[in-house]
Protein backbone atom coordinates (compact mmCIF):
# COMPACT_ATOMS: atom_id res chain seq x y z
CA MET A 1 124.11 184.60 136.37
CA LEU A 2 125.01 181.30 135.29
CA GLU A 3 126.12 182.52 131.95
CA THR A 4 127.89 185.74 133.55
CA GLY A 5 129.79 183.35 135.99
CA SER A 6 130.56 181.09 133.34
CA GLY A 7 131.77 183.99 130.94
CA SER A 8 134.01 185.22 133.51
CA THR A 9 135.44 182.04 134.41
CA LEU A 10 136.19 181.44 130.39
CA ALA A 11 138.41 184.77 130.25
CA ASP A 12 140.00 184.40 133.52
CA ASP A 13 141.17 180.95 132.21
CA THR A 14 141.78 182.85 128.74
CA GLY A 15 143.79 185.26 130.74
CA LYS A 16 145.86 182.91 132.82
CA ALA A 17 146.82 181.02 129.77
CA ASP A 18 148.06 183.91 127.96
CA GLY A 19 149.96 185.23 131.14
CA ALA A 20 151.77 181.65 131.36
CA THR A 21 152.81 181.79 127.53
CA GLU A 22 153.86 185.32 128.11
CA VAL A 23 155.86 184.29 131.09
CA LEU A 24 157.54 181.26 129.29
CA ARG A 25 158.36 183.72 126.02
CA HIS A 26 159.89 185.84 128.60
CA LYS A 27 162.17 183.06 130.20
CA ALA A 28 163.06 181.72 126.80
CA LEU A 29 164.01 185.07 125.59
CA LEU A 30 166.23 185.73 128.96
CA LYS A 31 167.84 182.35 128.22
CA ALA A 32 168.35 182.97 124.68
CA GLY A 33 169.77 186.53 125.74
CA ALA A 34 171.98 184.83 128.44
CA LEU A 35 173.20 182.26 126.10
CA GLN A 36 173.96 184.94 123.77
CA ASN A 37 175.90 186.94 125.99
CA ALA A 38 177.64 183.96 127.33
CA ILE A 39 179.00 183.20 123.75
CA LEU A 40 179.98 186.80 123.14
CA THR A 41 181.56 187.14 126.48
CA SER A 42 183.24 183.63 126.46
CA ALA A 43 187.07 183.86 126.85
CA ASN A 44 187.62 180.31 125.11
CA PHE A 45 187.11 181.24 121.66
CA SER A 46 187.13 184.18 119.44
CA ILE A 47 184.09 185.51 117.42
CA ILE A 48 184.60 188.34 114.81
CA ALA A 49 181.76 189.27 112.91
CA THR A 50 181.91 191.42 109.62
CA ASP A 51 179.79 193.63 107.52
CA GLU A 52 179.45 192.62 103.70
CA LYS A 53 182.64 194.41 102.79
CA GLY A 54 184.41 192.56 105.25
CA ILE A 55 185.19 195.35 108.01
CA ILE A 56 185.14 194.02 111.46
CA GLN A 57 181.84 195.14 113.39
CA LEU A 58 182.26 192.67 116.23
CA PHE A 59 185.19 191.72 118.39
CA ASN A 60 184.29 189.49 121.42
CA VAL A 61 186.26 188.84 124.64
CA GLY A 62 187.82 185.54 123.30
CA ALA A 63 189.21 187.33 120.67
CA GLU A 64 190.77 190.32 122.62
CA ARG A 65 192.48 187.78 124.99
CA MET A 66 193.92 185.94 122.23
CA LEU A 67 194.72 188.54 119.95
CA GLY A 68 195.63 191.09 122.51
CA TYR A 69 193.43 194.15 120.51
CA THR A 70 190.49 195.70 122.53
CA ALA A 71 187.39 195.72 120.44
CA ALA A 72 187.83 199.55 120.16
CA GLU A 73 191.21 199.18 118.38
CA VAL A 74 189.72 196.98 115.75
CA VAL A 75 185.72 197.60 115.10
CA ASN A 76 185.38 199.76 111.89
CA ARG A 77 188.74 200.07 111.49
CA ILE A 78 190.52 197.03 110.46
CA ARG A 79 189.78 193.78 108.16
CA PRO A 80 190.52 190.11 109.39
CA SER A 81 193.21 189.86 106.67
CA ALA A 82 195.20 192.16 109.27
CA ILE A 83 195.66 189.76 112.11
CA HIS A 84 196.16 186.70 110.08
CA ASP A 85 199.16 185.21 108.06
CA ARG A 86 198.74 186.62 104.77
CA GLN A 87 200.64 183.91 103.11
CA GLU A 88 198.80 180.91 104.71
CA VAL A 89 195.37 182.60 103.67
CA ALA A 90 196.53 183.32 100.04
CA ALA A 91 197.75 179.60 99.80
CA ARG A 92 194.37 178.55 101.17
CA ALA A 93 192.46 180.51 98.63
CA GLN A 94 194.46 179.48 95.67
CA ALA A 95 194.04 175.72 96.75
CA TRP A 96 190.29 176.57 96.79
CA SER A 97 190.17 178.67 93.53
CA ARG A 98 193.47 179.98 91.56
CA GLU A 99 190.98 182.16 89.30
CA LEU A 100 189.40 183.34 92.50
CA ALA A 101 192.62 184.21 94.28
CA THR A 102 193.88 186.25 91.27
CA ARG A 103 190.60 188.19 90.95
CA ILE A 104 190.85 188.89 95.02
CA THR A 105 193.90 190.13 96.09
CA ALA A 106 193.05 190.22 99.60
CA GLY A 107 193.28 186.19 100.03
CA PHE A 108 191.14 186.31 103.52
CA GLU A 109 188.02 187.81 100.97
CA ALA A 110 188.42 184.96 98.43
CA LEU A 111 188.05 182.46 101.72
CA ALA A 112 184.94 184.73 102.62
CA TYR A 113 183.74 184.49 99.38
CA LYS A 114 183.79 180.72 99.18
CA ALA A 115 181.39 180.82 102.19
CA SER A 116 179.33 183.41 100.32
CA ARG A 117 178.70 180.29 97.64
CA GLY A 118 177.26 178.49 100.41
CA VAL A 119 180.26 176.49 101.48
CA GLU A 120 181.20 176.47 105.15
CA ASP A 121 184.73 175.59 105.73
CA ILE A 122 187.17 175.21 108.82
CA TYR A 123 190.83 176.03 108.06
CA GLU A 124 194.05 175.76 110.14
CA LEU A 125 195.78 179.55 110.18
CA THR A 126 197.73 181.48 112.02
CA TYR A 127 196.50 184.32 113.95
CA ILE A 128 198.80 187.13 114.51
CA ARG A 129 198.68 189.06 118.01
CA LYS A 130 199.21 192.98 118.52
CA ASN A 131 202.67 192.35 120.03
CA GLY A 132 203.44 190.45 116.86
CA GLY A 133 203.33 187.20 118.51
CA ARG A 134 201.61 184.23 116.58
CA PHE A 135 199.79 181.09 117.50
CA PRO A 136 197.91 178.40 115.26
CA ALA A 137 194.08 178.71 115.42
CA ILE A 138 191.54 176.40 113.80
CA ILE A 139 188.82 178.81 112.13
CA SER A 140 185.53 178.40 110.76
CA ILE A 141 183.84 180.99 108.41
CA THR A 142 180.16 181.33 107.31
CA ALA A 143 178.17 183.88 105.47
CA LEU A 144 175.39 185.80 107.25
CA ARG A 145 172.47 186.74 105.29
CA ASP A 146 169.26 188.73 106.08
CA ASP A 147 165.78 187.41 105.48
CA TYR A 148 165.94 187.88 101.50
CA GLY A 149 169.02 185.84 101.46
CA GLU A 150 171.33 189.00 100.81
CA ILE A 151 174.85 188.87 102.50
CA ILE A 152 175.07 191.24 105.37
CA GLY A 153 178.64 190.27 106.74
CA TYR A 154 181.05 187.20 107.55
CA LEU A 155 181.26 185.38 110.77
CA LEU A 156 184.70 184.06 111.92
CA ILE A 157 184.85 181.66 115.10
CA GLY A 158 188.39 180.76 116.22
CA THR A 159 189.83 178.59 119.08
CA ASP A 160 193.50 178.51 119.83
CA ASN A 161 195.27 175.32 118.46
CA SER A 162 198.61 175.82 120.36
CA VAL A 163 198.04 172.55 122.62
CA ARG A 164 197.46 170.22 119.66
CA LYS A 165 199.86 171.39 117.72
CA GLN A 166 202.41 170.92 120.57
CA VAL A 167 200.95 167.53 121.14
CA GLU A 168 201.30 166.72 117.40
CA LEU A 169 204.70 167.92 117.21
CA ASP A 170 205.48 165.81 120.50
CA LEU A 171 203.83 163.09 119.16
CA ASN A 172 206.27 163.13 115.63
CA LYS A 173 209.01 163.80 117.63
CA ALA A 174 208.52 160.60 120.01
CA MET A 175 207.74 158.88 116.38
CA ALA A 176 210.86 159.98 114.80
CA VAL A 177 212.75 158.32 117.98
CA ALA A 178 210.96 155.52 117.69
CA GLU A 179 211.62 155.06 113.93
CA LYS A 180 215.09 155.59 114.47
CA ALA A 181 215.30 152.98 117.40
CA ASN A 182 213.54 150.68 114.96
CA LEU A 183 215.87 151.59 112.41
CA ALA A 184 219.10 150.66 114.62
CA LYS A 185 217.34 147.41 116.07
CA SER A 186 216.90 146.14 112.40
CA ASP A 187 220.38 147.14 111.64
CA PHE A 188 221.53 145.45 114.71
CA LEU A 189 219.49 142.33 113.54
CA SER A 190 220.87 142.36 110.23
CA SER A 191 224.51 142.55 111.54
CA MET A 192 224.01 139.83 114.09
CA SER A 193 222.33 137.45 111.40
CA HIS A 194 225.05 138.34 109.01
CA GLU A 195 227.79 137.68 111.76
CA MET A 196 226.16 134.49 112.68
CA ARG A 197 225.47 133.05 109.36
CA THR A 198 229.26 133.73 108.00
CA PRO A 199 230.83 130.86 110.15
CA LEU A 200 227.70 128.57 109.86
CA SER A 201 228.04 128.84 106.12
CA ALA A 202 231.18 127.23 106.45
CA ILE A 203 230.34 124.65 109.20
CA LEU A 204 227.29 123.50 107.37
CA GLY A 205 228.81 123.81 103.77
CA PHE A 206 231.81 121.77 104.60
CA ALA A 207 229.70 119.53 106.70
CA GLN A 208 227.44 118.94 103.50
CA LEU A 209 230.48 118.31 101.39
CA MET A 210 231.64 115.50 103.81
CA GLU A 211 228.53 113.87 104.00
CA SER A 212 228.46 113.53 100.26
CA GLY A 213 232.00 113.07 99.45
CA SER A 214 233.93 110.01 97.81
CA PRO A 215 234.76 107.79 99.17
CA SER A 216 231.51 107.94 101.61
CA PRO A 217 232.37 108.50 105.26
CA THR A 218 232.77 105.76 107.76
CA PRO A 219 229.85 104.94 110.12
CA ALA A 220 231.76 106.90 112.72
CA GLN A 221 232.51 109.71 110.59
CA LYS A 222 228.88 109.73 109.64
CA ARG A 223 227.50 110.01 112.88
CA SER A 224 229.81 113.00 113.87
CA ILE A 225 228.73 114.41 110.60
CA ASP A 226 225.25 114.25 111.28
CA GLN A 227 225.63 115.73 114.74
CA ILE A 228 227.38 118.86 113.01
CA LEU A 229 224.57 119.09 110.57
CA LYS A 230 221.95 118.67 112.87
CA ALA A 231 223.25 121.38 115.52
CA GLY A 232 224.05 123.73 112.59
CA TRP A 233 220.68 123.57 111.05
CA TYR A 234 219.15 124.18 114.43
CA LEU A 235 221.26 127.09 115.41
CA LEU A 236 220.10 128.74 111.87
CA GLU A 237 216.65 127.81 112.64
CA LEU A 238 216.90 129.68 115.86
CA ILE A 239 218.61 132.50 113.95
CA ASN A 240 215.73 132.82 111.46
CA GLU A 241 213.04 132.39 114.48
CA ILE A 242 214.53 135.32 116.46
CA LEU A 243 214.77 137.66 113.43
CA ASP A 244 211.44 137.02 112.74
CA LEU A 245 209.91 137.73 115.82
CA ALA A 246 211.84 140.77 116.31
CA LEU A 247 210.98 142.06 112.99
CA ILE A 248 207.11 141.00 113.81
CA GLU A 249 207.30 143.03 116.95
CA SER A 250 208.91 145.75 115.15
CA GLY A 251 206.15 145.96 112.53
CA LYS A 252 208.83 145.48 109.58
CA LEU A 253 207.87 142.24 108.63
CA PRO A 254 206.65 142.33 104.92
CA LEU A 255 203.51 140.47 104.23
CA SER A 256 201.79 139.77 101.03
CA LEU A 257 197.98 139.03 101.40
CA GLU A 258 196.52 137.46 98.39
CA PRO A 259 194.34 134.60 97.38
CA ILE A 260 196.20 131.37 97.71
CA SER A 261 194.84 127.91 97.32
CA LEU A 262 194.47 126.03 100.24
CA PRO A 263 194.82 122.73 98.98
CA GLU A 264 197.95 123.28 97.36
CA VAL A 265 199.73 124.56 100.38
CA VAL A 266 198.49 121.71 102.21
CA HIS A 267 199.69 119.25 99.96
CA GLU A 268 202.94 121.12 99.67
CA CYS A 269 203.53 120.65 103.61
CA GLN A 270 202.47 117.40 103.54
CA ALA A 271 205.60 116.59 101.32
CA MET A 272 207.71 118.36 103.51
CA ILE A 273 206.74 116.69 106.44
CA GLU A 274 205.82 113.15 106.01
CA PRO A 275 209.52 111.84 105.54
CA GLN A 276 210.09 113.11 109.13
CA ALA A 277 206.80 111.13 110.33
CA GLN A 278 207.97 108.22 108.66
CA LYS A 279 211.02 108.07 110.68
CA ARG A 280 209.31 108.02 113.88
CA ASP A 281 206.72 105.39 112.60
CA ILE A 282 203.88 108.13 112.85
CA ARG A 283 200.73 107.91 110.21
CA MET A 284 199.67 111.01 108.94
CA THR A 285 196.31 111.65 107.32
CA PHE A 286 195.46 114.72 105.24
CA PRO A 287 192.06 116.02 103.71
CA GLN A 288 191.10 115.22 100.48
CA PHE A 289 189.75 118.55 99.35
CA GLU A 290 186.25 118.32 97.63
CA LEU A 291 186.02 122.18 97.12
CA PRO A 292 189.19 124.67 95.47
CA TYR A 293 189.07 126.57 98.94
CA PHE A 294 191.08 130.11 98.60
CA VAL A 295 192.08 132.00 101.78
CA LYS A 296 193.34 135.56 101.70
CA ALA A 297 197.02 135.05 103.50
CA ASP A 298 200.54 135.14 102.56
CA ARG A 299 201.69 131.87 100.99
CA THR A 300 204.98 131.61 102.80
CA ARG A 301 203.97 132.52 106.24
CA VAL A 302 201.21 130.12 105.74
CA LYS A 303 203.21 127.45 104.87
CA GLN A 304 205.89 128.17 107.85
CA VAL A 305 202.92 128.11 110.57
CA LEU A 306 201.54 124.92 109.24
CA ILE A 307 204.99 123.32 108.88
CA ASN A 308 205.53 124.29 112.93
CA LEU A 309 202.34 122.58 113.68
CA LEU A 310 202.80 119.57 112.09
CA SER A 311 206.59 119.17 113.08
CA ASN A 312 205.55 119.76 116.71
CA ALA A 313 202.57 117.14 116.21
CA VAL A 314 205.45 114.41 115.09
CA LYS A 315 207.79 115.64 117.50
CA TYR A 316 206.18 115.42 120.78
CA ASN A 317 203.83 112.35 119.48
CA LYS A 318 204.14 109.00 120.85
CA VAL A 319 206.21 106.39 118.54
CA GLY A 320 203.65 104.42 116.19
CA GLY A 321 201.21 107.36 116.79
CA THR A 322 198.82 109.34 114.66
CA VAL A 323 198.64 113.02 113.28
CA VAL A 324 195.06 114.03 111.38
CA VAL A 325 194.86 117.05 109.48
CA ASP A 326 191.40 118.35 108.74
CA CYS A 327 189.71 121.47 107.40
CA ILE A 328 186.41 122.79 108.33
CA ALA A 329 184.37 125.60 106.98
CA ARG A 330 183.04 126.37 110.64
CA THR A 331 181.79 130.12 110.13
CA PRO A 332 180.68 131.83 106.98
CA GLY A 333 183.76 133.34 105.32
CA ARG A 334 186.22 131.51 107.62
CA ILE A 335 188.08 127.92 107.73
CA ARG A 336 189.84 126.02 110.20
CA ILE A 337 192.66 123.70 109.90
CA CYS A 338 193.45 121.66 112.59
CA VAL A 339 196.18 119.54 113.51
CA LYS A 340 195.25 116.60 115.68
CA ASP A 341 197.89 114.24 117.42
CA THR A 342 198.13 111.33 119.80
CA GLY A 343 200.62 113.03 122.11
CA GLU A 344 200.51 112.96 125.91
CA GLY A 345 198.50 116.13 125.99
CA LEU A 346 198.94 119.39 128.16
CA THR A 347 197.53 120.43 131.48
CA PRO A 348 195.81 123.49 131.83
CA ASP A 349 198.94 125.39 133.46
CA LYS A 350 201.08 124.52 130.20
CA LEU A 351 198.22 125.48 128.06
CA ALA A 352 198.55 129.22 129.79
CA GLN A 353 202.20 129.23 129.18
CA LEU A 354 202.29 127.98 125.65
CA PHE A 355 202.38 130.78 123.14
CA GLN A 356 205.04 132.46 125.65
CA PRO A 357 208.85 132.83 123.65
CA PHE A 358 211.36 130.54 124.88
CA ASN A 359 209.39 128.63 126.88
CA ARG A 360 209.45 124.75 126.09
CA LEU A 361 207.25 123.60 128.70
CA GLY A 362 209.46 121.32 130.42
CA LYS A 363 210.78 119.73 127.36
CA GLU A 364 214.37 121.71 127.67
CA THR A 365 215.89 118.20 128.68
CA GLY A 366 214.46 115.74 126.18
CA VAL A 367 216.06 114.57 123.09
CA ASP A 368 213.85 116.43 120.68
CA GLU A 369 215.43 119.83 120.03
CA GLY A 370 213.55 122.95 119.54
CA THR A 371 213.94 126.72 119.82
CA GLY A 372 210.65 127.66 122.09
CA ILE A 373 209.62 130.25 119.69
CA GLY A 374 207.98 128.61 116.82
CA LEU A 375 204.59 128.90 118.40
CA THR A 376 204.68 132.32 119.18
CA VAL A 377 205.87 133.32 115.90
CA SER A 378 203.20 131.55 114.63
CA LYS A 379 200.62 133.02 116.46
CA ARG A 380 201.94 136.71 115.48
CA LEU A 381 202.20 135.59 111.85
CA VAL A 382 198.67 134.18 112.14
CA GLU A 383 197.09 137.43 113.94
CA LEU A 384 199.01 139.45 111.41
CA MET A 385 197.06 137.41 108.12
CA LYS A 386 193.97 138.39 110.21
CA GLY A 387 193.37 135.11 111.45
CA GLU A 388 193.24 133.25 114.90
CA ILE A 389 194.93 130.10 116.49
CA GLY A 390 194.22 128.07 119.20
CA VAL A 391 194.65 124.78 121.09
CA GLU A 392 192.60 122.17 122.67
CA SER A 393 194.28 119.16 124.82
CA THR A 394 193.51 116.24 126.88
CA ILE A 395 195.87 114.45 128.77
CA GLY A 396 196.72 111.26 127.78
CA VAL A 397 194.57 111.71 124.65
CA GLY A 398 196.55 114.54 122.59
CA SER A 399 196.41 117.89 121.19
CA VAL A 400 194.47 119.70 118.65
CA PHE A 401 196.32 122.79 117.00
CA TRP A 402 194.12 124.92 114.80
CA ILE A 403 194.57 128.26 112.93
CA GLU A 404 191.54 129.79 111.34
CA LEU A 405 191.77 132.18 107.99
CA ASN A 406 189.24 133.96 105.91
CA LEU A 407 187.94 132.58 102.99
CA THR A 408 188.24 134.46 99.42
CA ALA A 409 187.25 133.91 95.96
CA GLU A 410 189.41 132.39 93.56
CA PRO A 411 191.97 134.53 91.59
CA GLN A 412 190.96 135.64 88.12
CA PRO A 413 193.82 133.70 85.55
CA ALA A 414 196.00 136.50 84.09
CA ALA A 415 196.36 136.62 80.35
CA ALA A 416 198.78 134.17 78.84
CA ALA A 417 202.13 135.56 78.35
CA GLU A 418 205.32 134.08 76.92
CA PRO A 419 207.16 132.44 79.62
CA ALA A 420 210.80 133.58 80.28
CA ALA A 421 213.86 132.16 79.55
CA VAL A 422 214.36 131.35 83.07
CA ALA A 423 210.90 129.58 83.27
CA LYS A 424 211.66 127.51 80.57
CA ALA A 425 215.08 126.65 81.61
CA GLN A 426 215.50 122.68 82.37
CA VAL A 427 217.91 122.10 84.85
CA GLN A 428 220.44 120.31 82.72
CA PRO A 429 224.24 120.83 83.33
CA ASP A 430 225.88 121.81 80.02
CA GLN A 431 229.19 119.94 79.11
CA GLN A 432 231.04 122.67 77.74
CA LEU A 433 233.36 124.24 79.88
CA ARG A 434 231.95 127.58 81.32
CA THR A 435 233.41 130.14 83.74
CA LEU A 436 232.13 131.16 86.91
CA LEU A 437 233.33 134.31 88.57
CA TYR A 438 232.90 134.61 92.57
CA VAL A 439 233.48 137.78 94.10
CA GLU A 440 234.17 136.77 97.82
CA ASP A 441 236.57 137.91 100.70
CA ASN A 442 236.08 135.70 103.12
CA PRO A 443 238.70 132.77 102.42
CA ALA A 444 236.12 129.87 104.15
CA ASN A 445 233.71 130.63 101.99
CA LEU A 446 235.61 130.64 98.89
CA MET A 447 237.04 127.70 99.91
CA LEU A 448 233.40 126.06 100.10
CA VAL A 449 232.43 127.40 96.78
CA GLU A 450 235.96 126.13 95.06
CA ASP A 451 235.16 122.46 96.54
CA LEU A 452 231.63 122.78 95.13
CA ILE A 453 232.70 123.94 91.92
CA ALA A 454 235.63 121.07 91.75
CA ARG A 455 232.41 118.75 91.60
CA ARG A 456 231.15 120.02 88.60
CA PRO A 457 233.75 119.24 85.35
CA ASP A 458 231.56 121.65 82.90
CA LEU A 459 232.53 124.76 85.28
CA ARG A 460 235.73 126.58 85.98
CA LEU A 461 236.13 129.51 89.16
CA LEU A 462 237.41 132.68 88.94
CA SER A 463 237.61 134.56 92.44
CA ALA A 464 238.25 138.07 93.43
CA ALA A 465 238.62 139.81 96.71
CA ASP A 466 236.69 142.69 96.42
CA GLY A 467 234.02 144.44 94.14
CA ASN A 468 236.85 146.64 92.05
CA ILE A 469 238.63 143.55 91.25
CA GLY A 470 235.62 141.39 90.77
CA ILE A 471 234.74 144.58 88.11
CA GLU A 472 238.06 144.26 86.20
CA PHE A 473 237.71 140.19 86.50
CA ALA A 474 233.98 140.50 84.83
CA ARG A 475 235.37 142.97 82.08
CA ALA A 476 238.24 141.02 80.96
CA TYR A 477 237.09 137.18 81.21
CA LEU A 478 233.18 137.62 80.67
CA PRO A 479 232.24 134.89 82.94
CA GLU A 480 228.85 133.26 81.99
CA VAL A 481 227.42 133.53 85.61
CA ILE A 482 228.66 135.86 88.39
CA LEU A 483 228.29 135.01 92.38
CA MET A 484 228.31 137.97 94.53
CA ASP A 485 228.59 138.52 97.92
CA ILE A 486 227.07 141.83 99.48
CA ASN A 487 229.66 142.85 102.39
CA LEU A 488 232.79 143.44 100.10
CA PRO A 489 235.75 145.65 100.92
CA GLY A 490 235.80 148.78 99.01
CA ILE A 491 232.73 149.05 97.32
CA SER A 492 229.37 146.72 98.05
CA GLY A 493 228.01 143.94 95.85
CA ILE A 494 225.31 146.32 94.92
CA GLN A 495 227.31 149.13 93.77
CA ALA A 496 229.43 146.53 91.79
CA LEU A 497 225.98 145.11 90.44
CA LYS A 498 224.92 148.55 89.52
CA ILE A 499 228.58 149.34 87.45
CA LEU A 500 228.32 145.84 85.78
CA ARG A 501 224.68 146.43 84.50
CA ALA A 502 225.79 150.13 83.17
CA ASP A 503 228.41 148.39 81.16
CA PRO A 504 227.27 147.14 77.83
CA ALA A 505 229.53 144.48 77.49
CA THR A 506 228.59 143.01 81.19
CA ALA A 507 224.91 144.01 81.34
CA HIS A 508 223.59 140.78 80.22
CA ILE A 509 225.62 138.54 82.72
CA PRO A 510 223.21 137.21 85.47
CA VAL A 511 224.69 137.98 89.01
CA ILE A 512 223.43 135.87 92.04
CA ALA A 513 223.92 137.13 95.21
CA LEU A 514 225.57 134.98 97.69
CA SER A 515 225.22 136.80 101.42
CA ALA A 516 225.00 136.18 104.89
CA ASN A 517 222.55 139.34 105.00
CA ALA A 518 219.35 137.30 105.17
CA ILE A 519 216.76 139.26 106.46
CA PRO A 520 213.52 140.17 104.32
CA ARG A 521 214.40 143.73 103.83
CA ASP A 522 218.07 142.72 102.66
CA VAL A 523 216.51 140.14 100.37
CA LYS A 524 214.14 142.60 98.87
CA LYS A 525 216.57 145.36 98.23
CA GLY A 526 219.09 142.93 96.49
CA LEU A 527 216.43 141.66 94.19
CA GLU A 528 215.25 145.22 93.54
CA ALA A 529 218.58 146.22 92.85
CA GLY A 530 218.80 143.65 90.03
CA PHE A 531 220.13 140.52 91.23
CA PHE A 532 219.16 137.25 89.24
CA ARG A 533 218.64 135.25 92.42
CA TYR A 534 219.34 135.97 96.04
CA LEU A 535 220.87 133.26 98.04
CA THR A 536 221.45 133.21 101.89
CA LYS A 537 224.48 131.63 103.79
CA PRO A 538 224.47 129.08 104.89
CA ILE A 539 224.53 127.54 101.57
CA LYS A 540 222.28 124.35 100.96
CA VAL A 541 224.09 122.52 98.65
CA ASN A 542 221.26 121.08 96.19
CA GLU A 543 219.82 124.96 96.30
CA PHE A 544 222.99 126.36 95.03
CA MET A 545 223.50 123.69 92.49
CA ASP A 546 219.73 124.30 91.19
CA THR A 547 220.06 127.91 90.90
CA LEU A 548 223.57 127.79 89.45
CA ASP A 549 222.04 125.56 86.56
CA VAL A 550 218.98 127.76 86.15
CA ALA A 551 221.61 131.09 85.84
CA LEU A 552 223.57 129.00 83.36
CA LYS A 553 220.79 128.06 81.20
CA PHE A 554 219.45 131.61 81.27
CA ALA A 555 223.26 132.82 80.13
CA LYS A 556 223.09 130.63 77.18
CA THR A 557 219.67 131.58 76.28
CA GLU A 558 221.08 135.23 76.29
CA SER A 559 224.03 134.44 74.29
CA ALA A 560 222.07 132.76 71.76
CA ARG A 561 219.78 135.71 71.24
CA ALA A 562 222.59 137.94 71.22
CA SER A 563 224.11 136.15 68.64
CA LYS A 564 220.77 136.44 66.30
CA GLU A 565 220.53 139.72 66.68
CA ASN A 566 224.33 140.45 65.77
CA ILE A 567 223.75 138.13 62.26
CA ALA A 568 220.43 139.84 61.57
């Protein structure tokens, strides 16, 4: 009885388990069937299946909705090639295999053959509706195989891509409008810079001439000249910083991120800032680098940022105060440059406003001039160089401004090469009379250069008021050096340069651009056009004279080389 009872119980349990398994299997089949039916009847994407010959065998509800055909109209009647743009399909097939595209004339079959080789791919193609309408679609093509691995057909799953394409089109239009606006802004900035620099060139140029003239100016005259120069250089600084800020915000500021020696840059800044500190009786301390740190940054812009921080540390310090510069490798791969001053310090509310443009934190009426843009520009520049900038301040004690930059490996030295003639040139004025041609239509600028050249007994100056006359003078007189304005009546300075370069008689003459077009893209464009140097207005007398001497030396070297070639 017990055994019979036990056996019956075991059988019952087994039957119950089998029944439960069957129920679960049945539910799974129903679920799979429901999923399959939902997929096949979905109106959100098209499902098209073909046999191994490429004839459509399945055409779901989504395909009917998208294409306007009924399943009865296409099943066993047409190939997918009939409802796709043939040229697009052929182009895709050729991109995959030119050889295959020539062997299989119906391009869609070439893509299917690609899928048969085990490559599943997604294409952007155009569907053609029954009524002739077209719309973009994203299509996936997969080979279908039986249990033996033989191809029994192909599966095409497609989705309407019209919305994304329209969004892309709208985005491209918006980007084009923004680019046009940026270009208009850049052109405006360039024009504004040019228009402001042109009168500044005369103001600062003649003031420098008066300052260094003979006889020397009287004390009263010297005070007046100093005020003119101070105001003029301040206005130029303001123009430059506004342009920098505008270029940064428009994303047009060119940066050259490369390994630079941090000790070299700091020492260069030290030489530039110490005279300013000495005038205010401020003692400066700079680090003695034990390691040759290299940072990945733009050399010019790092100097610009450091000079701004150092200048502020001197300007807003107390008389007889100190400025301490230190470099600390705080975290792996980064180095922090700190500028510590003994000024009055900043309150928390002023710290919060520190990097706002045109905000001088109540110093507008003080004796120290400033633009209120320098720190804003510095912050943007440091961030563009993948660095950070910050400040810590205590009232009555002083402030510590710091920047952090990424360390990098020391660059490998380039192979030794013969220095160019310009690099060899030593700035030693020749005593032989030589000719300088200045192509300029602005009388004030021409007068300034005339007065500068009058101090050079080794030079004679010719002038031309437009580009065409300048070209004629260059061909007739063959000057050693040409100074060329960019914005000239008739043809531009760049066009005149191209004509001079194309003429064997004048191609060797170094041409120096002297222009009020001073934003980086203008300078880059001028140098790429072939100018020997590109000087911006207002003229800095020492820079102008040094550049002129280098060009004269280069011209002499070129003349000697040409003579040797003629003798040979």
